[in-house]
PDB file of N, CA and C in Angstrom:
ATOM      1  N   MET A   1       0.852  -1.187   0.000  1.00  0.00           N
ATOM      2  CA  MET A   1       0.000   0.000   0.000  1.00  0.00           C
ATOM      3  C   MET A   1       0.892   1.243   0.000  1.00  0.00           C
ATOM      4  N   TYR A   2       0.450   2.234  -0.758  1.00  0.00           N
ATOM      5  CA  TYR A   2       1.205   3.464  -0.902  1.00  0.00           C
ATOM      6  C   TYR A   2       0.307   4.626  -0.517  1.00  0.00           C
ATOM      7  N   ILE A   3       0.765   5.446   0.439  1.00  0.00           N
ATOM      8  CA  ILE A   3      -0.015   6.594   0.898  1.00  0.00           C
ATOM      9  C   ILE A   3       0.766   7.852   0.521  1.00  0.00           C
ATOM     10  N   LYS A   4       0.083   8.750  -0.197  1.00  0.00           N
ATOM     11  CA  LYS A   4       0.746   9.970  -0.665  1.00  0.00           C
ATOM     12  C   LYS A   4       0.130  11.235  -0.092  1.00  0.00           C
ATOM     13  N   GLU A   5      -1.172  11.297   0.022  1.00  0.00           N
ATOM     14  CA  GLU A   5      -1.859  12.498   0.484  1.00  0.00           C
ATOM     15  C   GLU A   5      -1.575  12.755   1.963  1.00  0.00           C
ATOM     16  N   GLY A   6      -1.386  14.052   2.272  1.00  0.00           N
ATOM     17  CA  GLY A   6      -1.081  14.446   3.645  1.00  0.00           C
ATOM     18  C   GLY A   6      -2.145  14.019   4.636  1.00  0.00           C
ATOM     19  N   GLU A   7      -3.403  14.134   4.238  1.00  0.00           N
ATOM     20  CA  GLU A   7      -4.498  13.760   5.136  1.00  0.00           C
ATOM     21  C   GLU A   7      -4.499  12.263   5.412  1.00  0.00           C
ATOM     22  N   GLN A   8      -4.215  11.469   4.388  1.00  0.00           N
ATOM     23  CA  GLN A   8      -4.157  10.020   4.567  1.00  0.00           C
ATOM     24  C   GLN A   8      -2.998   9.631   5.469  1.00  0.00           C
ATOM     25  N   ILE A   9      -1.857  10.270   5.277  1.00  0.00           N
ATOM     26  CA  ILE A   9      -0.694  10.001   6.132  1.00  0.00           C
ATOM     27  C   ILE A   9      -1.013  10.365   7.569  1.00  0.00           C
ATOM     28  N   SER A  10      -1.647  11.509   7.737  1.00  0.00           N
ATOM     29  CA  SER A  10      -2.032  11.961   9.073  1.00  0.00           C
ATOM     30  C   SER A  10      -2.980  10.959   9.737  1.00  0.00           C
ATOM     31  N   ASP A  11      -3.974  10.504   8.979  1.00  0.00           N
ATOM     32  CA  ASP A  11      -4.910   9.507   9.517  1.00  0.00           C
ATOM     33  C   ASP A  11      -4.183   8.225   9.889  1.00  0.00           C
ATOM     34  N   PHE A  12      -3.238   7.773   9.059  1.00  0.00           N
ATOM     35  CA  PHE A  12      -2.493   6.546   9.323  1.00  0.00           C
ATOM     36  C   PHE A  12      -1.677   6.670  10.605  1.00  0.00           C
ATOM     37  N   ILE A  13      -0.999   7.794  10.763  1.00  0.00           N
ATOM     38  CA  ILE A  13      -0.199   8.020  11.982  1.00  0.00           C
ATOM     39  C   ILE A  13      -1.110   8.014  13.199  1.00  0.00           C
ATOM     40  N   ASN A  14      -2.271   8.624  13.083  1.00  0.00           N
ATOM     41  CA  ASN A  14      -3.234   8.677  14.185  1.00  0.00           C
ATOM     42  C   ASN A  14      -3.728   7.278  14.530  1.00  0.00           C
ATOM     43  N   ILE A  15      -4.017   6.464  13.498  1.00  0.00           N
ATOM     44  CA  ILE A  15      -4.479   5.085  13.739  1.00  0.00           C
ATOM     45  C   ILE A  15      -3.412   4.278  14.450  1.00  0.00           C
ATOM     46  N   LEU A  16      -2.159   4.517  14.128  1.00  0.00           N
ATOM     47  CA  LEU A  16      -1.071   3.793  14.787  1.00  0.00           C
ATOM     48  C   LEU A  16      -0.936   4.174  16.258  1.00  0.00           C
ATOM     49  N   GLY A  17      -1.568   5.268  16.634  1.00  0.00           N
ATOM     50  CA  GLY A  17      -1.517   5.707  18.032  1.00  0.00           C
ATOM     51  C   GLY A  17      -0.295   6.538  18.352  1.00  0.00           C
ATOM     52  N   ALA A  18       0.392   6.998  17.340  1.00  0.00           N
ATOM     53  CA  ALA A  18       1.584   7.819  17.559  1.00  0.00           C
ATOM     54  C   ALA A  18       1.162   9.279  17.616  1.00  0.00           C
ATOM     55  N   SER A  19       0.527   9.656  18.714  1.00  0.00           N
ATOM     56  CA  SER A  19      -0.060  11.000  18.813  1.00  0.00           C
ATOM     57  C   SER A  19       0.978  12.111  18.738  1.00  0.00           C
ATOM     58  N   SER A  20       2.156  11.888  19.292  1.00  0.00           N
ATOM     59  CA  SER A  20       3.196  12.911  19.225  1.00  0.00           C
ATOM     60  C   SER A  20       3.611  13.151  17.765  1.00  0.00           C
ATOM     61  N   SER A  21       3.807  12.085  17.035  1.00  0.00           N
ATOM     62  CA  SER A  21       4.165  12.200  15.617  1.00  0.00           C
ATOM     63  C   SER A  21       3.013  12.790  14.815  1.00  0.00           C
ATOM     64  N   TYR A  22       1.797  12.424  15.193  1.00  0.00           N
ATOM     65  CA  TYR A  22       0.615  12.947  14.521  1.00  0.00           C
ATOM     66  C   TYR A  22       0.580  14.467  14.619  1.00  0.00           C
ATOM     67  N   PHE A  23       0.787  14.997  15.832  1.00  0.00           N
ATOM     68  CA  PHE A  23       0.741  16.445  16.017  1.00  0.00           C
ATOM     69  C   PHE A  23       1.904  17.148  15.323  1.00  0.00           C
ATOM     70  N   LYS A  24       3.082  16.524  15.312  1.00  0.00           N
ATOM     71  CA  LYS A  24       4.218  17.112  14.600  1.00  0.00           C
ATOM     72  C   LYS A  24       3.929  17.171  13.100  1.00  0.00           C
ATOM     73  N   PHE A  25       3.341  16.091  12.574  1.00  0.00           N
ATOM     74  CA  PHE A  25       3.009  16.052  11.149  1.00  0.00           C
ATOM     75  C   PHE A  25       1.949  17.093  10.818  1.00  0.00           C
ATOM     76  N   GLN A  26       0.944  17.223  11.674  1.00  0.00           N
ATOM     77  CA  GLN A  26      -0.107  18.232  11.459  1.00  0.00           C
ATOM     78  C   GLN A  26       0.495  19.639  11.468  1.00  0.00           C
ATOM     79  N   ASP A  27       1.462  19.843  12.366  1.00  0.00           N
ATOM     80  CA  ASP A  27       2.129  21.144  12.437  1.00  0.00           C
ATOM     81  C   ASP A  27       2.862  21.442  11.126  1.00  0.00           C
ATOM     82  N   VAL A  28       3.528  20.430  10.563  1.00  0.00           N
ATOM     83  CA  VAL A  28       4.228  20.597   9.294  1.00  0.00           C
ATOM     84  C   VAL A  28       3.241  20.935   8.184  1.00  0.00           C
ATOM     85  N   ILE A  29       2.123  20.232   8.137  1.00  0.00           N
ATOM     86  CA  ILE A  29       1.110  20.480   7.103  1.00  0.00           C
ATOM     87  C   ILE A  29       0.547  21.897   7.216  1.00  0.00           C
ATOM     88  N   ILE A  30       0.234  22.319   8.431  1.00  0.00           N
ATOM     89  CA  ILE A  30      -0.330  23.660   8.647  1.00  0.00           C
ATOM     90  C   ILE A  30       0.687  24.736   8.264  1.00  0.00           C
ATOM     91  N   THR A  31       1.942  24.539   8.684  1.00  0.00           N
ATOM     92  CA  THR A  31       2.991  25.512   8.365  1.00  0.00           C
ATOM     93  C   THR A  31       3.190  25.624   6.853  1.00  0.00           C
ATOM     94  N   LYS A  32       3.233  24.475   6.185  1.00  0.00           N
ATOM     95  CA  LYS A  32       3.408  24.449   4.727  1.00  0.00           C
ATOM     96  C   LYS A  32       2.238  25.143   4.033  1.00  0.00           C
ATOM     97  N   ASP A  33       1.030  24.880   4.491  1.00  0.00           N
ATOM     98  CA  ASP A  33      -0.158  25.505   3.906  1.00  0.00           C
ATOM     99  C   ASP A  33      -0.125  27.023   4.098  1.00  0.00           C
ATOM    100  N   MET A  34       0.272  27.476   5.280  1.00  0.00           N
ATOM    101  CA  MET A  34       0.348  28.923   5.542  1.00  0.00           C
ATOM    102  C   MET A  34       1.394  29.581   4.649  1.00  0.00           C
ATOM    103  N   LYS A  35       2.552  28.928   4.472  1.00  0.00           N
ATOM    104  CA  LYS A  35       3.594  29.479   3.602  1.00  0.00           C
ATOM    105  C   LYS A  35       3.111  29.557   2.158  1.00  0.00           C
ATOM    106  N   ASN A  36       2.423  28.510   1.709  1.00  0.00           N
ATOM    107  CA  ASN A  36       1.904  28.508   0.342  1.00  0.00           C
ATOM    108  C   ASN A  36       0.890  29.632   0.133  1.00  0.00           C
ATOM    109  N   LYS A  37      -0.007  29.817   1.104  1.00  0.00           N
ATOM    110  CA  LYS A  37      -0.993  30.898   0.985  1.00  0.00           C
ATOM    111  C   LYS A  37      -0.311  32.262   0.980  1.00  0.00           C
ATOM    112  N   ALA A  38       0.679  32.436   1.847  1.00  0.00           N
ATOM    113  CA  ALA A  38       1.408  33.705   1.896  1.00  0.00           C
ATOM    114  C   ALA A  38       2.117  33.975   0.572  1.00  0.00           C
ATOM    115  N   ASN A  39       2.728  32.955  -0.001  1.00  0.00           N
ATOM    116  CA  ASN A  39       3.408  33.123  -1.292  1.00  0.00           C
ATOM    117  C   ASN A  39       2.436  33.497  -2.397  1.00  0.00           C
ATOM    118  N   ARG A  40       1.263  32.876  -2.397  1.00  0.00           N
ATOM    119  CA  ARG A  40       0.256  33.213  -3.411  1.00  0.00           C
ATOM    120  C   ARG A  40      -0.176  34.668  -3.278  1.00  0.00           C
ATOM    121  N   ILE A  41      -0.380  35.106  -2.046  1.00  0.00           N
ATOM    122  CA  ILE A  41      -0.778  36.500  -1.814  1.00  0.00           C
ATOM    123  C   ILE A  41       0.318  37.459  -2.258  1.00  0.00           C
ATOM    124  N   ILE A  42       1.559  37.141  -1.922  1.00  0.00           N
ATOM    125  CA  ILE A  42       2.691  37.989  -2.309  1.00  0.00           C
ATOM    126  C   ILE A  42       2.817  38.053  -3.827  1.00  0.00           C
ATOM    127  N   ASN A  43       2.701  36.902  -4.477  1.00  0.00           N
ATOM    128  CA  ASN A  43       2.814  36.871  -5.943  1.00  0.00           C
ATOM    129  C   ASN A  43       1.697  37.670  -6.602  1.00  0.00           C
ATOM    130  N   CYS A  44       0.488  37.550  -6.073  1.00  0.00           N
ATOM    131  CA  CYS A  44      -0.648  38.294  -6.625  1.00  0.00           C
ATOM    132  C   CYS A  44      -0.455  39.793  -6.419  1.00  0.00           C
ATOM    133  N   THR A  45      -0.021  40.171  -5.236  1.00  0.00           N
ATOM    134  CA  THR A  45       0.216  41.583  -4.932  1.00  0.00           C
ATOM    135  C   THR A  45       1.308  42.152  -5.823  1.00  0.00           C
ATOM    136  N   ALA A  46       2.382  41.384  -6.007  1.00  0.00           N
ATOM    137  CA  ALA A  46       3.486  41.842  -6.862  1.00  0.00           C
ATOM    138  C   ALA A  46       3.015  42.009  -8.308  1.00  0.00           C
ATOM    139  N   ALA A  47       2.216  41.074  -8.787  1.00  0.00           N
ATOM    140  CA  ALA A  47       1.701  41.167 -10.158  1.00  0.00           C
ATOM    141  C   ALA A  47       0.799  42.389 -10.315  1.00  0.00           C
ATOM    142  N   ASN A  48      -0.043  42.641  -9.331  1.00  0.00           N
ATOM    143  CA  ASN A  48      -0.929  43.809  -9.383  1.00  0.00           C
ATOM    144  C   ASN A  48      -0.123  45.102  -9.334  1.00  0.00           C
ATOM    145  N   LEU A  49       0.907  45.111  -8.510  1.00  0.00           N
ATOM    146  CA  LEU A  49       1.757  46.298  -8.414  1.00  0.00           C
ATOM    147  C   LEU A  49       2.475  46.557  -9.735  1.00  0.00           C
ATOM    148  N   ASP A  50       3.011  45.504 -10.345  1.00  0.00           N
ATOM    149  CA  ASP A  50       3.662  45.646 -11.644  1.00  0.00           C
ATOM    150  C   ASP A  50       2.690  46.204 -12.682  1.00  0.00           C
ATOM    151  N   LYS A  51       1.475  45.683 -12.661  1.00  0.00           N
ATOM    152  CA  LYS A  51       0.461  46.139 -13.616  1.00  0.00           C
ATOM    153  C   LYS A  51       0.142  47.623 -13.403  1.00  0.00           C
ATOM    154  N   ALA A  52       0.016  48.038 -12.145  1.00  0.00           N
ATOM    155  CA  ALA A  52      -0.288  49.437 -11.832  1.00  0.00           C
ATOM    156  C   ALA A  52       0.864  50.353 -12.240  1.00  0.00           C
ATOM    157  N   VAL A  53       2.089  49.921 -11.990  1.00  0.00           N
ATOM    158  CA  VAL A  53       3.264  50.729 -12.347  1.00  0.00           C
ATOM    159  C   VAL A  53       3.351  50.883 -13.861  1.00  0.00           C
ATOM    160  N   ASN A  54       3.157  49.785 -14.581  1.00  0.00           N
ATOM    161  CA  ASN A  54       3.204  49.849 -16.048  1.00  0.00           C
ATOM    162  C   ASN A  54       2.112  50.761 -16.608  1.00  0.00           C
ATOM    163  N   ALA A  55       0.918  50.679 -16.037  1.00  0.00           N
ATOM    164  CA  ALA A  55      -0.182  51.540 -16.489  1.00  0.00           C
ATOM    165  C   ALA A  55       0.143  53.005 -16.221  1.00  0.00           C
ATOM    166  N   ALA A  56       0.665  53.305 -15.045  1.00  0.00           N
ATOM    167  CA  ALA A  56       1.012  54.690 -14.707  1.00  0.00           C
ATOM    168  C   ALA A  56       2.106  55.219 -15.632  1.00  0.00           C
ATOM    169  N   GLN A  57       3.087  54.381 -15.940  1.00  0.00           N
ATOM    170  CA  GLN A  57       4.164  54.812 -16.840  1.00  0.00           C
ATOM    171  C   GLN A  57       3.619  55.126 -18.240  1.00  0.00           C
ATOM    172  N   LYS A  58       2.690  54.306 -18.712  1.00  0.00           N
ATOM    173  CA  LYS A  58       2.090  54.561 -20.024  1.00  0.00           C
ATOM    174  C   LYS A  58       1.279  55.854 -19.996  1.00  0.00           C
ATOM    175  N   GLN A  59       0.531  56.073 -18.907  1.00  0.00           N
ATOM    176  CA  GLN A  59      -0.260  57.293 -18.785  1.00  0.00           C
ATOM    177  C   GLN A  59       0.639  58.519 -18.798  1.00  0.00           C
ATOM    178  N   ILE A  60       1.739  58.432 -18.076  1.00  0.00           N
ATOM    179  CA  ILE A  60       2.680  59.558 -18.025  1.00  0.00           C
ATOM    180  C   ILE A  60       3.309  59.787 -19.393  1.00  0.00           C
ATOM    181  N   ALA A  61       3.660  58.702 -20.079  1.00  0.00           N
ATOM    182  CA  ALA A  61       4.228  58.837 -21.426  1.00  0.00           C
ATOM    183  C   ALA A  61       3.217  59.478 -22.377  1.00  0.00           C
ATOM    184  N   ASP A  62       1.948  59.095 -22.263  1.00  0.00           N
ATOM    185  CA  ASP A  62       0.902  59.691 -23.100  1.00  0.00           C
ATOM    186  C   ASP A  62       0.771  61.186 -22.827  1.00  0.00           C
ATOM    187  N   ILE A  63       0.770  61.542 -21.554  1.00  0.00           N
ATOM    188  CA  ILE A  63       0.640  62.959 -21.171  1.00  0.00           C
ATOM    189  C   ILE A  63       1.833  63.763 -21.679  1.00  0.00           C
ATOM    190  N   LYS A  64       3.035  63.212 -21.548  1.00  0.00           N
ATOM    191  CA  LYS A  64       4.233  63.920 -22.016  1.00  0.00           C
ATOM    192  C   LYS A  64       4.223  64.092 -23.530  1.00  0.00           C
ATOM    193  N   LEU A  65       3.711  63.080 -24.231  1.00  0.00           N
ATOM    194  CA  LEU A  65       3.611  63.202 -25.685  1.00  0.00           C
ATOM    195  C   LEU A  65       2.662  64.333 -26.066  1.00  0.00           C
ATOM    196  N   ILE A  66       1.516  64.368 -25.436  1.00  0.00           N
ATOM    197  CA  ILE A  66       0.541  65.431 -25.711  1.00  0.00           C
ATOM    198  C   ILE A  66       1.157  66.794 -25.396  1.00  0.00           C
ATOM    199  N   ASP A  67       1.871  66.867 -24.271  1.00  0.00           N
ATOM    200  CA  ASP A  67       2.486  68.129 -23.865  1.00  0.00           C
ATOM    201  C   ASP A  67       3.535  68.576 -24.887  1.00  0.00           C
ATOM    202  N   GLU A  68       4.321  67.633 -25.410  1.00  0.00           N
ATOM    203  CA  GLU A  68       5.356  67.971 -26.394  1.00  0.00           C
ATOM    204  C   GLU A  68       4.751  68.409 -27.726  1.00  0.00           C
ATOM    205  N   VAL A  69       3.673  67.738 -28.120  1.00  0.00           N
ATOM    206  CA  VAL A  69       3.089  68.022 -29.438  1.00  0.00           C
ATOM    207  C   VAL A  69       2.266  69.314 -29.438  1.00  0.00           C
ATOM    208  N   LYS A  70       1.357  69.438 -28.466  1.00  0.00           N
ATOM    209  CA  LYS A  70       0.510  70.645 -28.491  1.00  0.00           C
ATOM    210  C   LYS A  70       0.299  71.287 -27.126  1.00  0.00           C
ATOM    211  N   GLY A  71       0.850  70.694 -26.079  1.00  0.00           N
ATOM    212  CA  GLY A  71       0.704  71.245 -24.733  1.00  0.00           C
ATOM    213  C   GLY A  71      -0.516  70.676 -24.023  1.00  0.00           C
ATOM    214  N   ILE A  72      -0.339  70.255 -22.776  1.00  0.00           N
ATOM    215  CA  ILE A  72      -1.476  69.664 -22.047  1.00  0.00           C
ATOM    216  C   ILE A  72      -2.530  70.712 -21.710  1.00  0.00           C
ATOM    217  N   GLU A  73      -2.138  71.960 -21.731  1.00  0.00           N
ATOM    218  CA  GLU A  73      -3.117  73.020 -21.435  1.00  0.00           C
ATOM    219  C   GLU A  73      -4.185  73.130 -22.527  1.00  0.00           C
ATOM    220  N   THR A  74      -3.945  72.506 -23.678  1.00  0.00           N
ATOM    221  CA  THR A  74      -4.942  72.508 -24.750  1.00  0.00           C
ATOM    222  C   THR A  74      -6.018  71.434 -24.544  1.00  0.00           C
ATOM    223  N   LEU A  75      -5.807  70.560 -23.579  1.00  0.00           N
ATOM    224  CA  LEU A  75      -6.810  69.528 -23.276  1.00  0.00           C
ATOM    225  C   LEU A  75      -8.050  70.166 -22.646  1.00  0.00           C
ATOM    226  N   PRO A  76      -9.202  69.540 -22.778  1.00  0.00           N
ATOM    227  CA  PRO A  76     -10.377  70.028 -22.036  1.00  0.00           C
ATOM    228  C   PRO A  76     -10.061  70.084 -20.539  1.00  0.00           C
ATOM    229  N   ASP A  77     -10.736  70.980 -19.828  1.00  0.00           N
ATOM    230  CA  ASP A  77     -10.419  71.243 -18.417  1.00  0.00           C
ATOM    231  C   ASP A  77     -10.268  69.975 -17.576  1.00  0.00           C
ATOM    232  N   LYS A  78     -11.243  69.058 -17.647  1.00  0.00           N
ATOM    233  CA  LYS A  78     -11.198  67.850 -16.815  1.00  0.00           C
ATOM    234  C   LYS A  78      -9.990  66.988 -17.150  1.00  0.00           C
ATOM    235  N   LEU A  79      -9.663  66.901 -18.423  1.00  0.00           N
ATOM    236  CA  LEU A  79      -8.511  66.096 -18.829  1.00  0.00           C
ATOM    237  C   LEU A  79      -7.199  66.786 -18.468  1.00  0.00           C
ATOM    238  N   PHE A  80      -7.193  68.111 -18.550  1.00  0.00           N
ATOM    239  CA  PHE A  80      -6.003  68.875 -18.161  1.00  0.00           C
ATOM    240  C   PHE A  80      -5.710  68.671 -16.677  1.00  0.00           C
ATOM    241  N   ILE A  81      -6.744  68.774 -15.854  1.00  0.00           N
ATOM    242  CA  ILE A  81      -6.585  68.567 -14.403  1.00  0.00           C
ATOM    243  C   ILE A  81      -6.123  67.133 -14.127  1.00  0.00           C
ATOM    244  N   THR A  82      -6.696  66.186 -14.844  1.00  0.00           N
ATOM    245  CA  THR A  82      -6.321  64.785 -14.670  1.00  0.00           C
ATOM    246  C   THR A  82      -4.855  64.570 -15.042  1.00  0.00           C
ATOM    247  N   ALA A  83      -4.434  65.153 -16.148  1.00  0.00           N
ATOM    248  CA  ALA A  83      -3.041  65.031 -16.585  1.00  0.00           C
ATOM    249  C   ALA A  83      -2.093  65.626 -15.544  1.00  0.00           C
ATOM    250  N   LYS A  84      -2.441  66.806 -15.028  1.00  0.00           N
ATOM    251  CA  LYS A  84      -1.593  67.435 -14.003  1.00  0.00           C
ATOM    252  C   LYS A  84      -1.500  66.574 -12.747  1.00  0.00           C
ATOM    253  N   LYS A  85      -2.630  66.001 -12.326  1.00  0.00           N
ATOM    254  CA  LYS A  85      -2.638  65.152 -11.128  1.00  0.00           C
ATOM    255  C   LYS A  85      -1.796  63.902 -11.354  1.00  0.00           C
ATOM    256  N   ARG A  86      -1.894  63.285 -12.543  1.00  0.00           N
ATOM    257  CA  ARG A  86      -1.106  62.079 -12.813  1.00  0.00           C
ATOM    258  C   ARG A  86       0.377  62.405 -12.774  1.00  0.00           C
ATOM    259  N   LEU A  87       0.762  63.544 -13.334  1.00  0.00           N
ATOM    260  CA  LEU A  87       2.167  63.944 -13.299  1.00  0.00           C
ATOM    261  C   LEU A  87       2.617  64.286 -11.883  1.00  0.00           C
ATOM    262  N   GLU A  88       1.722  64.853 -11.107  1.00  0.00           N
ATOM    263  CA  GLU A  88       2.041  65.233  -9.724  1.00  0.00           C
ATOM    264  C   GLU A  88       2.189  64.005  -8.822  1.00  0.00           C
ATOM    265  N   PHE A  89       1.391  62.963  -9.086  1.00  0.00           N
ATOM    266  CA  PHE A  89       1.398  61.767  -8.248  1.00  0.00           C
ATOM    267  C   PHE A  89       1.639  60.511  -9.091  1.00  0.00           C
ATOM    268  N   PRO A  90       2.839  60.371  -9.665  1.00  0.00           N
ATOM    269  CA  PRO A  90       3.098  59.233 -10.557  1.00  0.00           C
ATOM    270  C   PRO A  90       3.098  57.881  -9.849  1.00  0.00           C
ATOM    271  N   GLU A  91       3.298  57.886  -8.550  1.00  0.00           N
ATOM    272  CA  GLU A  91       3.411  56.628  -7.792  1.00  0.00           C
ATOM    273  C   GLU A  91       2.069  56.063  -7.337  1.00  0.00           C
ATOM    274  N   LEU A  92       0.994  56.841  -7.467  1.00  0.00           N
ATOM    275  CA  LEU A  92      -0.298  56.402  -6.948  1.00  0.00           C
ATOM    276  C   LEU A  92      -1.050  55.511  -7.926  1.00  0.00           C
ATOM    277  N   GLY A  93      -1.750  54.540  -7.373  1.00  0.00           N
ATOM    278  CA  GLY A  93      -2.658  53.727  -8.167  1.00  0.00           C
ATOM    279  C   GLY A  93      -3.918  54.524  -8.446  1.00  0.00           C
ATOM    280  N   LEU A  94      -4.815  53.966  -9.235  1.00  0.00           N
ATOM    281  CA  LEU A  94      -6.027  54.698  -9.616  1.00  0.00           C
ATOM    282  C   LEU A  94      -6.876  55.098  -8.419  1.00  0.00           C
ATOM    283  N   SER A  95      -7.078  54.179  -7.501  1.00  0.00           N
ATOM    284  CA  SER A  95      -7.929  54.484  -6.337  1.00  0.00           C
ATOM    285  C   SER A  95      -7.361  55.639  -5.527  1.00  0.00           C
ATOM    286  N   GLU A  96      -6.053  55.580  -5.278  1.00  0.00           N
ATOM    287  CA  GLU A  96      -5.415  56.633  -4.481  1.00  0.00           C
ATOM    288  C   GLU A  96      -5.410  57.962  -5.235  1.00  0.00           C
ATOM    289  N   LEU A  97      -5.149  57.894  -6.533  1.00  0.00           N
ATOM    290  CA  LEU A  97      -5.129  59.119  -7.339  1.00  0.00           C
ATOM    291  C   LEU A  97      -6.520  59.751  -7.408  1.00  0.00           C
ATOM    292  N   ALA A  98      -7.541  58.925  -7.518  1.00  0.00           N
ATOM    293  CA  ALA A  98      -8.922  59.437  -7.581  1.00  0.00           C
ATOM    294  C   ALA A  98      -9.268  60.238  -6.326  1.00  0.00           C
ATOM    295  N   ARG A  99      -8.696  59.866  -5.181  1.00  0.00           N
ATOM    296  CA  ARG A  99      -8.968  60.579  -3.927  1.00  0.00           C
ATOM    297  C   ARG A  99      -8.284  61.940  -3.866  1.00  0.00           C
ATOM    298  N   GLU A 100      -7.358  62.204  -4.765  1.00  0.00           N
ATOM    299  CA  GLU A 100      -6.644  63.480  -4.784  1.00  0.00           C
ATOM    300  C   GLU A 100      -7.450  64.594  -5.464  1.00  0.00           C
ATOM    301  N   PHE A 101      -8.541  64.235  -6.116  1.00  0.00           N
ATOM    302  CA  PHE A 101      -9.353  65.227  -6.821  1.00  0.00           C
ATOM    303  C   PHE A 101     -10.361  65.857  -5.867  1.00  0.00           C
ATOM    304  N   GLU A 102     -10.742  67.083  -6.205  1.00  0.00           N
ATOM    305  CA  GLU A 102     -11.751  67.808  -5.425  1.00  0.00           C
ATOM    306  C   GLU A 102     -12.852  68.253  -6.364  1.00  0.00           C
ATOM    307  N   PRO A 103     -14.037  67.706  -6.338  1.00  0.00           N
ATOM    308  CA  PRO A 103     -14.452  66.606  -5.470  1.00  0.00           C
ATOM    309  C   PRO A 103     -13.800  65.292  -5.913  1.00  0.00           C
ATOM    310  N   GLU A 104     -13.771  64.365  -4.984  1.00  0.00           N
ATOM    311  CA  GLU A 104     -13.140  63.068  -5.224  1.00  0.00           C
ATOM    312  C   GLU A 104     -13.809  62.348  -6.397  1.00  0.00           C
ATOM    313  N   LEU A 105     -12.987  61.753  -7.247  1.00  0.00           N
ATOM    314  CA  LEU A 105     -13.499  60.994  -8.386  1.00  0.00           C
ATOM    315  C   LEU A 105     -13.660  59.522  -8.005  1.00  0.00           C
ATOM    316  N   THR A 106     -14.447  58.823  -8.793  1.00  0.00           N
ATOM    317  CA  THR A 106     -14.484  57.373  -8.639  1.00  0.00           C
ATOM    318  C   THR A 106     -13.304  56.806  -9.439  1.00  0.00           C
ATOM    319  N   LYS A 107     -12.917  55.603  -9.101  1.00  0.00           N
ATOM    320  CA  LYS A 107     -11.846  54.941  -9.833  1.00  0.00           C
ATOM    321  C   LYS A 107     -12.236  54.791 -11.302  1.00  0.00           C
ATOM    322  N   SER A 108     -13.488  54.445 -11.541  1.00  0.00           N
ATOM    323  CA  SER A 108     -14.001  54.288 -12.903  1.00  0.00           C
ATOM    324  C   SER A 108     -13.965  55.611 -13.660  1.00  0.00           C
ATOM    325  N   GLY A 109     -14.369  56.684 -13.000  1.00  0.00           N
ATOM    326  CA  GLY A 109     -14.356  58.008 -13.626  1.00  0.00           C
ATOM    327  C   GLY A 109     -12.949  58.438 -14.008  1.00  0.00           C
ATOM    328  N   LEU A 110     -12.004  58.192 -13.117  1.00  0.00           N
ATOM    329  CA  LEU A 110     -10.615  58.536 -13.395  1.00  0.00           C
ATOM    330  C   LEU A 110     -10.080  57.688 -14.544  1.00  0.00           C
ATOM    331  N   ASN A 111     -10.394  56.418 -14.518  1.00  0.00           N
ATOM    332  CA  ASN A 111      -9.940  55.522 -15.590  1.00  0.00           C
ATOM    333  C   ASN A 111     -10.489  55.987 -16.941  1.00  0.00           C
ATOM    334  N   HIS A 112     -11.731  56.441 -16.955  1.00  0.00           N
ATOM    335  CA  HIS A 112     -12.356  56.940 -18.185  1.00  0.00           C
ATOM    336  C   HIS A 112     -11.604  58.171 -18.712  1.00  0.00           C
ATOM    337  N   ARG A 113     -11.260  59.070 -17.815  1.00  0.00           N
ATOM    338  CA  ARG A 113     -10.513  60.269 -18.228  1.00  0.00           C
ATOM    339  C   ARG A 113      -9.136  59.895 -18.781  1.00  0.00           C
ATOM    340  N   LEU A 114      -8.466  58.981 -18.089  1.00  0.00           N
ATOM    341  CA  LEU A 114      -7.132  58.568 -18.538  1.00  0.00           C
ATOM    342  C   LEU A 114      -7.205  57.843 -19.882  1.00  0.00           C
ATOM    343  N   ALA A 115      -8.288  57.109 -20.108  1.00  0.00           N
ATOM    344  CA  ALA A 115      -8.479  56.438 -21.400  1.00  0.00           C
ATOM    345  C   ALA A 115      -8.652  57.470 -22.508  1.00  0.00           C
ATOM    346  N   LYS A 116      -9.354  58.567 -22.211  1.00  0.00           N
ATOM    347  CA  LYS A 116      -9.518  59.643 -23.201  1.00  0.00           C
ATOM    348  C   LYS A 116      -8.169  60.280 -23.523  1.00  0.00           C
ATOM    349  N   ILE A 117      -7.357  60.492 -22.501  1.00  0.00           N
ATOM    350  CA  ILE A 117      -6.017  61.056 -22.702  1.00  0.00           C
ATOM    351  C   ILE A 117      -5.193  60.100 -23.566  1.00  0.00           C
ATOM    352  N   SER A 118      -5.280  58.822 -23.278  1.00  0.00           N
ATOM    353  CA  SER A 118      -4.550  57.810 -24.046  1.00  0.00           C
ATOM    354  C   SER A 118      -4.994  57.799 -25.508  1.00  0.00           C
ATOM    355  N   ALA A 119      -6.287  57.936 -25.744  1.00  0.00           N
ATOM    356  CA  ALA A 119      -6.802  57.963 -27.114  1.00  0.00           C
ATOM    357  C   ALA A 119      -6.274  59.180 -27.866  1.00  0.00           C
ATOM    358  N   ILE A 120      -6.200  60.315 -27.182  1.00  0.00           N
ATOM    359  CA  ILE A 120      -5.665  61.526 -27.811  1.00  0.00           C
ATOM    360  C   ILE A 120      -4.194  61.309 -28.182  1.00  0.00           C
ATOM    361  N   ALA A 121      -3.447  60.719 -27.255  1.00  0.00           N
ATOM    362  CA  ALA A 121      -2.018  60.448 -27.520  1.00  0.00           C
ATOM    363  C   ALA A 121      -1.864  59.445 -28.659  1.00  0.00           C
ATOM    364  N   ASP A 122      -2.727  58.435 -28.690  1.00  0.00           N
ATOM    365  CA  ASP A 122      -2.650  57.434 -29.765  1.00  0.00           C
ATOM    366  C   ASP A 122      -2.878  58.069 -31.132  1.00  0.00           C
ATOM    367  N   LYS A 123      -3.776  59.052 -31.217  1.00  0.00           N
ATOM    368  CA  LYS A 123      -4.013  59.740 -32.481  1.00  0.00           C
ATOM    369  C   LYS A 123      -2.796  60.537 -32.919  1.00  0.00           C
ATOM    370  N   MET A 124      -1.992  60.985 -31.957  1.00  0.00           N
ATOM    371  CA  MET A 124      -0.800  61.768 -32.272  1.00  0.00           C
ATOM    372  C   MET A 124       0.349  60.884 -32.726  1.00  0.00           C
ATOM    373  N   ARG A 125       0.300  59.636 -32.415  1.00  0.00           N
ATOM    374  CA  ARG A 125       1.419  58.728 -32.771  1.00  0.00           C
ATOM    375  C   ARG A 125       1.402  58.374 -34.221  1.00  0.00           C
TER     376      ARG A 125
END
């Protein structure tokens, strides 16, 4: 007989009556599971951070292109303010940047404005 699954091994140790070994094995399983969950969270957070940084860099590049070609002051008022805020706070994600507006914008509203800026820059390319 071959036992591979952690739960089956744990049950087998328990049936043998080796309670000390059973608890040590359970501790190993719990520790391993916690490390795996922590790694998944870290990897997901890192991927999201990379995505946010790349998006912000593209937004800044779009704004700089518009500024070089015709000046960001030529943008409609809402887009001009959005461009200035993005340049002022390049490190912020959308949610944090949206809170910098007065009145505060929604993340969706800010994303919509940035998409308009991106479309303008794309037409200039």
